Structure formats: structure tokens, C-alpha cells
């Protein structure tokens, strides 16, 4: 019963389900099953098919591509309140990525049949689902733009900004994963990420203590998103 309540709590607080009519949210909560993962465990591998949508209660997952040589590209980090698996679930296609727990993680798995029935029954859910997937598409376009048109320094500064609450300055942010994972997410090596963080610290824009990073001067950090600005500021 406790695990069922946990799954229900995840459903209740996930933004995608928040606007549902109470009876529909209750139906999803009853159908959801909890899934506990230890660090390093795989939820689904590339090429497999999903029968459920997953909502994260606590923990962190990476969605990643890996080539035959073992090189990895992290496409997305999925944290509490977020969902994954929507697109491939409704398209009935194999999963194009590996989904791996970076820390101990709990998911609520919602069966596809319940979701499809809910789409027919509640237009608000259909709109919420479309809004969530549209936001995801917008984020992917932004990521592609950053990877192709912006330099590593811009991507690093932009990522730190994305972790911070709007308007707060100075403030502190917490890196949600290791530098290796975040570097892959940003399309650079761990060494490059470490160098850029040092340069930002030397310029007085941030202070780094492990995964805790204080953003000391957000206006200058935002300006440093311009190409070469970090290197100039560090001189």
C-alpha cells in the first residue's frame, strides 16, 4: 500500500497530470506501478519498446546514445516531476535511447492503455500532453542551436544560467550530475568543462565547491554567453 501511495503521489505532482480532473488522476494513480532503480540500473535500452510512460518521483535519469566504440552522448537529464517515453509510446516505435539511473531513483510507470483511454476522455490531458511535448521539442531545437552555432564557453555559461531561479543574484545552483555526464550533455569533454568553470571562477563570476556553484555576478555571466567573453574576462 505504501508503494501504491508513493506512485499516486508522483502522479499527483507531475506537471503533466496536475490539470486532470480528480477522477482521472485517481484512475492513473491506481493503474501506476512503482519502479525502484539503483544507481547504474537501466530502465530501457535502445531498440526496446515501451508499454508505459514513466514519471520521476525522486532521483535522476540520463537519456543517452552510445556508439559501438562506447562513446556516449547524453541527450537529456530527467529529474523529479518530469516524464519520458511519451513520443515512442504513442508512435509505437522502439526507444531510440538508453535510459539509465544516475542515482537511486523511483519512477511511476503508467500503462499505455490507461493513457490512451484518458486522452479520449479528458481534452485537458490531451492539451497538457501536447504542451509538454511541444516544450520538449523547443528545448531540443535550442540544444541543437547551441551545439551547432554556439561555442563551448557559451554553452557552459548558458547551462549554469538555466539551473538558476529567475532574477535571483547572487544565487547558488547544484550540478545535478557528475561533470562527465554534464559535459556530455553540453557536447564537450570533461576537461573542457572543468577549464571553463576555472576561467569563470578566475573572472569572479562564479565560485565552485564540488557540485555547488555560486553565481556571483549573473549579469556578467549572461553577457559571457557571447563568444569568447569568458576567455576575455579571465585575462
Protein backbone atom coordinates (compact mmCIF):
# COMPACT_ATOMS: atom_id res chain seq x y z
CA UNK A 1 0.00 0.00 0.00
CA UNK A 2 2.85 2.40 0.84
CA UNK A 3 4.38 1.95 -2.61
CA UNK A 4 0.98 2.47 -4.24
CA UNK A 5 0.66 5.72 -2.30
CA UNK A 6 4.11 6.76 -3.49
CA UNK A 7 3.16 6.14 -7.10
CA UNK A 8 -0.06 8.09 -6.57
CA UNK A 9 1.94 10.98 -5.11
CA UNK A 10 4.20 11.07 -8.17
CA UNK A 11 1.19 11.21 -10.47
CA UNK A 12 -0.44 13.92 -8.38
CA UNK A 13 2.58 16.23 -8.52
CA UNK A 14 3.84 15.71 -12.07
CA UNK A 15 3.01 18.89 -14.08
CA UNK A 16 1.59 16.83 -16.94
CA UNK A 17 -1.11 15.37 -14.69
CA UNK A 18 -1.77 18.36 -12.47
CA UNK A 19 -4.69 19.74 -14.53
CA UNK A 20 -6.53 16.44 -14.73
CA UNK A 21 -9.98 16.01 -13.32
CA UNK A 22 -9.64 14.34 -9.89
CA UNK A 23 -11.31 11.13 -11.04
CA UNK A 24 -8.95 10.77 -13.99
CA UNK A 25 -5.90 11.45 -11.86
CA UNK A 26 -7.12 8.85 -9.39
CA UNK A 27 -7.56 6.31 -12.20
CA UNK A 28 -3.98 6.87 -13.35
CA UNK A 29 -2.66 6.65 -9.80
CA UNK A 30 -4.41 3.31 -9.31
CA UNK A 31 -3.00 1.96 -12.57
CA UNK A 32 0.56 3.20 -11.97
CA UNK A 33 3.13 0.84 -10.58
CA UNK A 34 6.22 1.96 -8.63
CA UNK A 35 9.64 1.12 -10.01
CA UNK A 36 12.75 1.45 -7.86
CA UNK A 37 16.15 1.70 -9.53
CA UNK A 38 19.61 1.67 -8.06
CA UNK A 39 22.34 3.85 -9.45
CA UNK A 40 23.51 2.48 -12.79
CA UNK A 41 20.39 0.41 -13.48
CA UNK A 42 18.82 0.68 -16.92
CA UNK A 43 15.12 1.40 -17.31
CA UNK A 44 15.02 0.68 -21.04
CA UNK A 45 17.63 0.10 -23.75
CA UNK A 46 17.75 1.47 -27.24
CA UNK A 47 15.68 -0.69 -29.59
CA UNK A 48 13.29 -1.93 -26.92
CA UNK A 49 9.63 -0.99 -26.81
CA UNK A 50 7.79 0.75 -24.01
CA UNK A 51 4.42 -0.25 -22.65
CA UNK A 52 4.29 2.57 -20.10
CA UNK A 53 5.02 6.24 -19.64
CA UNK A 54 7.43 6.97 -16.79
CA UNK A 55 7.20 9.82 -14.28
CA UNK A 56 10.12 10.50 -11.94
CA UNK A 57 9.35 10.80 -8.23
CA UNK A 58 12.90 11.25 -6.99
CA UNK A 59 16.37 10.67 -8.38
CA UNK A 60 17.79 11.38 -11.81
CA UNK A 61 17.96 9.57 -15.16
CA UNK A 62 20.03 10.18 -18.26
CA UNK A 63 18.73 9.55 -21.75
CA UNK A 64 21.77 8.79 -23.87
CA UNK A 65 23.07 7.47 -27.16
CA UNK A 66 26.12 5.19 -27.31
CA UNK A 67 28.10 4.09 -30.36
CA UNK A 68 29.92 0.80 -30.93
CA UNK A 69 33.14 2.30 -29.59
CA UNK A 70 31.46 3.09 -26.28
CA UNK A 71 31.32 6.85 -26.77
CA UNK A 72 28.25 8.36 -25.15
CA UNK A 73 26.17 11.45 -25.84
CA UNK A 74 23.74 12.47 -23.11
CA UNK A 75 20.66 13.99 -24.72
CA UNK A 76 18.61 14.80 -21.64
CA UNK A 77 18.59 14.59 -17.86
CA UNK A 78 15.21 13.66 -16.37
CA UNK A 79 14.55 14.71 -12.79
CA UNK A 80 11.69 14.77 -10.26
CA UNK A 81 8.32 15.75 -11.71
CA UNK A 82 9.42 15.09 -15.29
CA UNK A 83 8.25 12.34 -17.61
CA UNK A 84 9.71 10.42 -20.52
CA UNK A 85 8.59 7.92 -23.09
CA UNK A 86 5.58 9.84 -24.41
CA UNK A 87 6.55 10.06 -28.08
CA UNK A 88 7.67 6.47 -28.63
CA UNK A 89 4.74 5.21 -26.58
CA UNK A 90 2.15 6.82 -28.81
CA UNK A 91 4.05 6.21 -32.04
CA UNK A 92 4.53 2.54 -31.06
CA UNK A 93 8.17 2.65 -32.10
CA UNK A 94 11.32 1.31 -30.40
CA UNK A 95 13.06 3.56 -27.91
CA UNK A 96 15.93 5.47 -29.61
CA UNK A 97 17.98 5.97 -26.40
CA UNK A 98 19.18 4.20 -23.26
CA UNK A 99 17.53 5.40 -20.03
CA UNK A 100 19.85 4.88 -17.05
CA UNK A 101 19.54 5.89 -13.39
CA UNK A 102 22.37 8.19 -12.28
CA UNK A 103 21.37 7.88 -8.61
CA UNK A 104 18.86 5.78 -6.71
CA UNK A 105 15.59 6.66 -8.41
CA UNK A 106 11.89 5.97 -8.09
CA UNK A 107 9.54 6.03 -11.05
CA UNK A 108 5.83 5.65 -11.53
CA UNK A 109 5.09 3.58 -14.63
CA UNK A 110 1.70 4.40 -16.16
CA UNK A 111 0.38 1.77 -18.62
CA UNK A 112 -0.23 2.94 -22.18
CA UNK A 113 -3.80 1.64 -22.17
CA UNK A 114 -4.75 3.96 -19.30
CA UNK A 115 -3.17 6.94 -21.02
CA UNK A 116 -4.89 6.31 -24.33
CA UNK A 117 -8.23 5.99 -22.58
CA UNK A 118 -7.56 9.25 -20.77
CA UNK A 119 -6.75 11.04 -24.00
CA UNK A 120 -10.20 10.11 -25.26
CA UNK A 121 -11.90 11.08 -22.01
CA UNK A 122 -10.25 14.37 -20.98
CA UNK A 123 -9.30 17.07 -23.52
CA UNK A 124 -7.35 18.90 -20.79
CA UNK A 125 -5.00 15.98 -20.55
CA UNK A 126 -4.53 15.93 -24.32
CA UNK A 127 -3.65 19.65 -24.21
CA UNK A 128 -1.26 19.13 -21.30
CA UNK A 129 0.43 16.28 -23.12
CA UNK A 130 0.78 18.36 -26.29
CA UNK A 131 2.14 21.29 -24.29
CA UNK A 132 4.72 19.09 -22.59
CA UNK A 133 5.87 17.52 -25.84
CA UNK A 134 5.98 20.94 -27.53
CA UNK A 135 8.19 22.28 -24.75
CA UNK A 136 10.43 19.26 -25.19
CA UNK A 137 10.67 19.95 -28.92
CA UNK A 138 11.50 23.59 -28.26
CA UNK A 139 14.25 22.52 -25.86
CA UNK A 140 15.67 20.11 -28.43
CA UNK A 141 15.77 22.87 -31.05
CA UNK A 142 17.54 25.14 -28.55
CA UNK A 143 20.03 22.39 -27.78
CA UNK A 144 20.71 21.86 -31.48
CA UNK A 145 21.20 25.59 -31.97
CA UNK A 146 23.61 25.76 -29.04
CA UNK A 147 25.59 22.74 -30.24
CA UNK A 148 25.91 24.00 -33.82
CA UNK A 149 26.04 27.79 -33.51
CA UNK A 150 27.47 28.45 -30.04
CA UNK A 151 30.91 27.72 -28.68
CA UNK A 152 31.70 25.62 -25.62
CA UNK A 153 32.03 28.73 -23.42
CA UNK A 154 28.56 29.92 -24.38
CA UNK A 155 27.05 26.51 -23.71
CA UNK A 156 28.69 26.31 -20.29
CA UNK A 157 27.50 29.77 -19.21
CA UNK A 158 24.04 29.17 -20.63
CA UNK A 159 23.71 25.87 -18.77
CA UNK A 160 24.61 27.45 -15.42
CA UNK A 161 22.03 30.15 -16.10
CA UNK A 162 19.39 27.52 -16.87
CA UNK A 163 19.86 25.98 -13.40
CA UNK A 164 19.27 29.26 -11.57
CA UNK A 165 15.90 30.68 -10.47
CA UNK A 166 14.75 33.71 -12.46
CA UNK A 167 16.09 37.03 -11.28
CA UNK A 168 17.96 35.87 -8.18
CA UNK A 169 21.50 37.29 -7.99
CA UNK A 170 23.75 36.21 -6.44
CA UNK A 171 22.49 32.66 -6.02
CA UNK A 172 23.74 29.09 -5.83
CA UNK A 173 22.99 26.17 -8.13
CA UNK A 174 23.65 22.47 -7.77
CA UNK A 175 25.02 20.44 -10.65
CA UNK A 176 22.51 17.56 -10.93
CA UNK A 177 25.06 15.03 -12.21
CA UNK A 178 28.80 14.47 -12.49
CA UNK A 179 30.94 16.71 -14.65
CA UNK A 180 31.39 13.81 -17.06
CA UNK A 181 27.64 13.50 -17.61
CA UNK A 182 27.05 17.24 -17.82
CA UNK A 183 29.95 17.67 -20.24
CA UNK A 184 28.42 15.01 -22.49
CA UNK A 185 25.07 16.76 -22.20
CA UNK A 186 26.73 20.01 -23.36
CA UNK A 187 28.70 18.39 -26.17
CA UNK A 188 32.19 18.83 -24.73
CA UNK A 189 34.79 16.87 -22.80
CA UNK A 190 35.01 16.82 -19.02
CA UNK A 191 38.40 18.55 -19.28
CA UNK A 192 36.89 21.40 -21.31
CA UNK A 193 34.06 21.84 -18.82
CA UNK A 194 36.50 21.94 -15.90
CA UNK A 195 38.65 24.52 -17.70
CA UNK A 196 35.66 26.74 -18.44
CA UNK A 197 34.49 26.60 -14.83
CA UNK A 198 38.01 27.60 -13.71
CA UNK A 199 38.00 30.52 -16.12
CA UNK A 200 34.63 31.70 -14.86
CA UNK A 201 35.87 31.43 -11.27
CA UNK A 202 39.08 33.34 -12.10
CA UNK A 203 36.95 36.08 -13.67
CA UNK A 204 34.96 36.39 -10.42
CA UNK A 205 31.70 35.27 -12.00
CA UNK A 206 31.26 32.04 -10.03
CA UNK A 207 32.64 30.11 -7.07
CA UNK A 208 32.89 26.33 -7.33
CA UNK A 209 32.71 23.95 -4.38
CA UNK A 210 32.23 20.45 -5.68
CA UNK A 211 28.83 20.37 -7.34
CA UNK A 212 27.71 23.58 -5.60
CA UNK A 213 28.31 26.63 -7.76
CA UNK A 214 27.64 30.16 -6.56
CA UNK A 215 26.69 32.54 -9.36
CA UNK A 216 28.28 35.74 -8.06
CA UNK A 217 27.51 38.10 -10.93
CA UNK A 218 24.66 36.94 -13.12
CA UNK A 219 24.56 39.99 -15.41
CA UNK A 220 28.21 39.42 -16.35
CA UNK A 221 27.60 35.68 -16.60
CA UNK A 222 24.75 36.31 -19.01
CA UNK A 223 26.98 38.59 -21.08
CA UNK A 224 29.67 35.92 -21.04
CA UNK A 225 27.36 33.76 -23.14
CA UNK A 226 28.73 35.77 -26.06
CA UNK A 227 31.50 34.03 -27.96
CA UNK A 228 34.91 34.47 -26.34
CA UNK A 229 33.65 36.59 -23.46
CA UNK A 230 34.72 34.08 -20.79
CA UNK A 231 38.27 33.92 -22.05
CA UNK A 232 38.47 37.75 -22.23
CA UNK A 233 37.03 38.15 -18.73
CA UNK A 234 39.57 35.72 -17.28
CA UNK A 235 42.54 37.71 -18.58
